[in-house]
Amino acid sequence: MQGKLIVVLLFTTATFAQSWKTGTIVKWEVKAYSQSAHITRNRVVYSVKIDKTVYQITRNRDKDEIATGQQVECRLEKTHFFVRDDRGREIKYEVVGIGPTD
């Protein structure tokens, strides 16, 4: 599964990198997330819809920062997803999943 994610990310990155798009937060949820076999923490995972693709993104937070239904300016760079905040700063998220819209 992770191999497919990397292939999709590399293909998508070529067309998406450095170009800002408008996405919509379709949902957020708190999930157990682990970067290693021994440490699991709760993280907020956002589902961001852009065109016909939904990206699941997270960062090192357990509280929501973006509301469902909110539109965000975003861009994808390798395995990272950047969202512009209200002040124009880029907030870095990690892509943890990609899939088609339902």
C-alpha atoms as a PDB file:
ATOM      1  CA  MET A   1       0.000   0.000   0.000  1.00  0.00           C
ATOM      2  CA  GLN A   2       2.770   2.428   0.908  1.00  0.00           C
ATOM      3  CA  GLY A   3       4.535   1.689  -2.391  1.00  0.00           C
ATOM      4  CA  LYS A   4       1.393   2.650  -4.317  1.00  0.00           C
ATOM      5  CA  LEU A   5       1.167   5.869  -2.289  1.00  0.00           C
ATOM      6  CA  ILE A   6       4.727   6.810  -3.253  1.00  0.00           C
ATOM      7  CA  VAL A   7       4.109   6.114  -6.951  1.00  0.00           C
ATOM      8  CA  VAL A   8       0.930   8.188  -6.905  1.00  0.00           C
ATOM      9  CA  LEU A   9       2.702  10.981  -5.010  1.00  0.00           C
ATOM     10  CA  LEU A  10       5.563  11.086  -7.528  1.00  0.00           C
ATOM     11  CA  PHE A  11       3.159  11.181 -10.475  1.00  0.00           C
ATOM     12  CA  THR A  12       0.926  13.780  -8.837  1.00  0.00           C
ATOM     13  CA  THR A  13       3.868  15.900  -7.719  1.00  0.00           C
ATOM     14  CA  ALA A  14       4.962  16.478 -11.303  1.00  0.00           C
ATOM     15  CA  THR A  15       1.695  18.213 -12.145  1.00  0.00           C
ATOM     16  CA  PHE A  16       0.873  19.713  -8.750  1.00  0.00           C
ATOM     17  CA  ALA A  17       4.189  20.909  -7.303  1.00  0.00           C
ATOM     18  CA  GLN A  18       4.703  24.623  -6.818  1.00  0.00           C
ATOM     19  CA  SER A  19       1.253  25.464  -8.172  1.00  0.00           C
ATOM     20  CA  TRP A  20      -1.245  26.620  -5.575  1.00  0.00           C
ATOM     21  CA  LYS A  21      -4.688  25.048  -5.778  1.00  0.00           C
ATOM     22  CA  THR A  22      -7.880  25.601  -3.843  1.00  0.00           C
ATOM     23  CA  GLY A  23      -8.981  22.607  -1.803  1.00  0.00           C
ATOM     24  CA  THR A  24     -11.896  21.943   0.516  1.00  0.00           C
ATOM     25  CA  ILE A  25     -11.653  20.247   3.904  1.00  0.00           C
ATOM     26  CA  VAL A  26     -14.256  17.489   3.599  1.00  0.00           C
ATOM     27  CA  LYS A  27     -13.680  16.050   7.082  1.00  0.00           C
ATOM     28  CA  TRP A  28     -11.239  15.760   9.924  1.00  0.00           C
ATOM     29  CA  GLU A  29     -10.846  13.091  12.544  1.00  0.00           C
ATOM     30  CA  VAL A  30      -8.499  12.180  15.363  1.00  0.00           C
ATOM     31  CA  LYS A  31      -6.653   8.956  14.553  1.00  0.00           C
ATOM     32  CA  ALA A  32      -3.930   6.952  16.199  1.00  0.00           C
ATOM     33  CA  TYR A  33      -0.858   7.589  14.086  1.00  0.00           C
ATOM     34  CA  SER A  34       2.577   6.006  14.318  1.00  0.00           C
ATOM     35  CA  GLN A  35       5.851   6.841  12.627  1.00  0.00           C
ATOM     36  CA  SER A  36       7.635   4.031  14.441  1.00  0.00           C
ATOM     37  CA  ALA A  37       6.683   0.627  15.764  1.00  0.00           C
ATOM     38  CA  HIS A  38       6.881   1.688  19.411  1.00  0.00           C
ATOM     39  CA  ILE A  39       5.272   5.124  19.575  1.00  0.00           C
ATOM     40  CA  THR A  40       1.653   5.832  18.689  1.00  0.00           C
ATOM     41  CA  ARG A  41       0.016   9.191  19.218  1.00  0.00           C
ATOM     42  CA  ASN A  42      -3.309  10.746  18.381  1.00  0.00           C
ATOM     43  CA  ARG A  43      -3.182  13.103  15.412  1.00  0.00           C
ATOM     44  CA  VAL A  44      -5.787  15.128  13.590  1.00  0.00           C
ATOM     45  CA  VAL A  45      -6.035  13.833  10.020  1.00  0.00           C
ATOM     46  CA  TYR A  46      -7.703  16.144   7.495  1.00  0.00           C
ATOM     47  CA  SER A  47      -9.242  15.004   4.220  1.00  0.00           C
ATOM     48  CA  VAL A  48      -8.693  17.699   1.594  1.00  0.00           C
ATOM     49  CA  LYS A  49     -10.547  17.437  -1.730  1.00  0.00           C
ATOM     50  CA  ILE A  50      -8.878  18.921  -4.786  1.00  0.00           C
ATOM     51  CA  ASP A  51     -10.610  18.243  -8.090  1.00  0.00           C
ATOM     52  CA  LYS A  52     -11.292  14.475  -8.063  1.00  0.00           C
ATOM     53  CA  THR A  53      -8.676  13.524  -5.461  1.00  0.00           C
ATOM     54  CA  VAL A  54      -8.813  13.442  -1.663  1.00  0.00           C
ATOM     55  CA  TYR A  55      -5.545  13.874   0.229  1.00  0.00           C
ATOM     56  CA  GLN A  56      -5.296  12.796   3.856  1.00  0.00           C
ATOM     57  CA  ILE A  57      -2.855  15.061   5.658  1.00  0.00           C
ATOM     58  CA  THR A  58      -1.611  15.437   9.222  1.00  0.00           C
ATOM     59  CA  ARG A  59       0.948  17.277  11.299  1.00  0.00           C
ATOM     60  CA  ASN A  60       2.191  17.021  14.850  1.00  0.00           C
ATOM     61  CA  ARG A  61      -1.039  18.213  16.478  1.00  0.00           C
ATOM     62  CA  ASP A  62      -3.934  16.534  18.266  1.00  0.00           C
ATOM     63  CA  LYS A  63      -6.348  19.490  18.015  1.00  0.00           C
ATOM     64  CA  ASP A  64      -8.163  20.630  14.893  1.00  0.00           C
ATOM     65  CA  GLU A  65      -7.006  23.841  13.234  1.00  0.00           C
ATOM     66  CA  ILE A  66      -9.129  23.843  10.079  1.00  0.00           C
ATOM     67  CA  ALA A  67     -12.924  23.524   9.958  1.00  0.00           C
ATOM     68  CA  THR A  68     -14.849  21.080   7.791  1.00  0.00           C
ATOM     69  CA  GLY A  69     -16.094  22.851   4.675  1.00  0.00           C
ATOM     70  CA  GLN A  70     -13.335  25.453   4.803  1.00  0.00           C
ATOM     71  CA  GLN A  71     -11.545  26.218   1.550  1.00  0.00           C
ATOM     72  CA  VAL A  72      -7.757  26.346   1.700  1.00  0.00           C
ATOM     73  CA  GLU A  73      -4.961  27.331  -0.641  1.00  0.00           C
ATOM     74  CA  CYS A  74      -2.571  24.408  -0.857  1.00  0.00           C
ATOM     75  CA  ARG A  75       0.220  22.778  -2.798  1.00  0.00           C
ATOM     76  CA  LEU A  76       1.940  19.384  -2.841  1.00  0.00           C
ATOM     77  CA  GLU A  77       5.711  18.950  -2.783  1.00  0.00           C
ATOM     78  CA  LYS A  78       7.038  15.389  -2.686  1.00  0.00           C
ATOM     79  CA  THR A  79       5.399  13.811   0.397  1.00  0.00           C
ATOM     80  CA  HIS A  80       4.508  17.130   2.008  1.00  0.00           C
ATOM     81  CA  PHE A  81       1.369  19.190   1.663  1.00  0.00           C
ATOM     82  CA  PHE A  82       1.493  22.929   2.329  1.00  0.00           C
ATOM     83  CA  VAL A  83      -1.516  25.008   3.369  1.00  0.00           C
ATOM     84  CA  ARG A  84      -1.519  28.803   3.510  1.00  0.00           C
ATOM     85  CA  ASP A  85      -2.918  30.210   6.721  1.00  0.00           C
ATOM     86  CA  ASP A  86      -4.799  33.506   7.166  1.00  0.00           C
ATOM     87  CA  ARG A  87      -1.501  35.408   7.393  1.00  0.00           C
ATOM     88  CA  GLY A  88      -0.125  33.896   4.178  1.00  0.00           C
ATOM     89  CA  ARG A  89       2.352  31.593   5.958  1.00  0.00           C
ATOM     90  CA  GLU A  90       2.852  28.055   4.685  1.00  0.00           C
ATOM     91  CA  ILE A  91       1.931  25.327   7.183  1.00  0.00           C
ATOM     92  CA  LYS A  92       3.610  21.998   6.409  1.00  0.00           C
ATOM     93  CA  TYR A  93       1.608  18.760   6.644  1.00  0.00           C
ATOM     94  CA  GLU A  94       2.551  15.174   5.888  1.00  0.00           C
ATOM     95  CA  VAL A  95       0.548  13.246   3.296  1.00  0.00           C
ATOM     96  CA  VAL A  96      -0.651   9.965   4.841  1.00  0.00           C
ATOM     97  CA  GLY A  97      -3.122   8.890   2.174  1.00  0.00           C
ATOM     98  CA  ILE A  98      -4.443   9.652  -1.308  1.00  0.00           C
ATOM     99  CA  GLY A  99      -7.607   8.404  -2.931  1.00  0.00           C
ATOM    100  CA  PRO A 100     -10.343   9.262  -5.398  1.00  0.00           C
ATOM    101  CA  THR A 101     -13.428  11.145  -4.278  1.00  0.00           C
ATOM    102  CA  ASP A 102     -16.418   9.026  -3.355  1.00  0.00           C
END
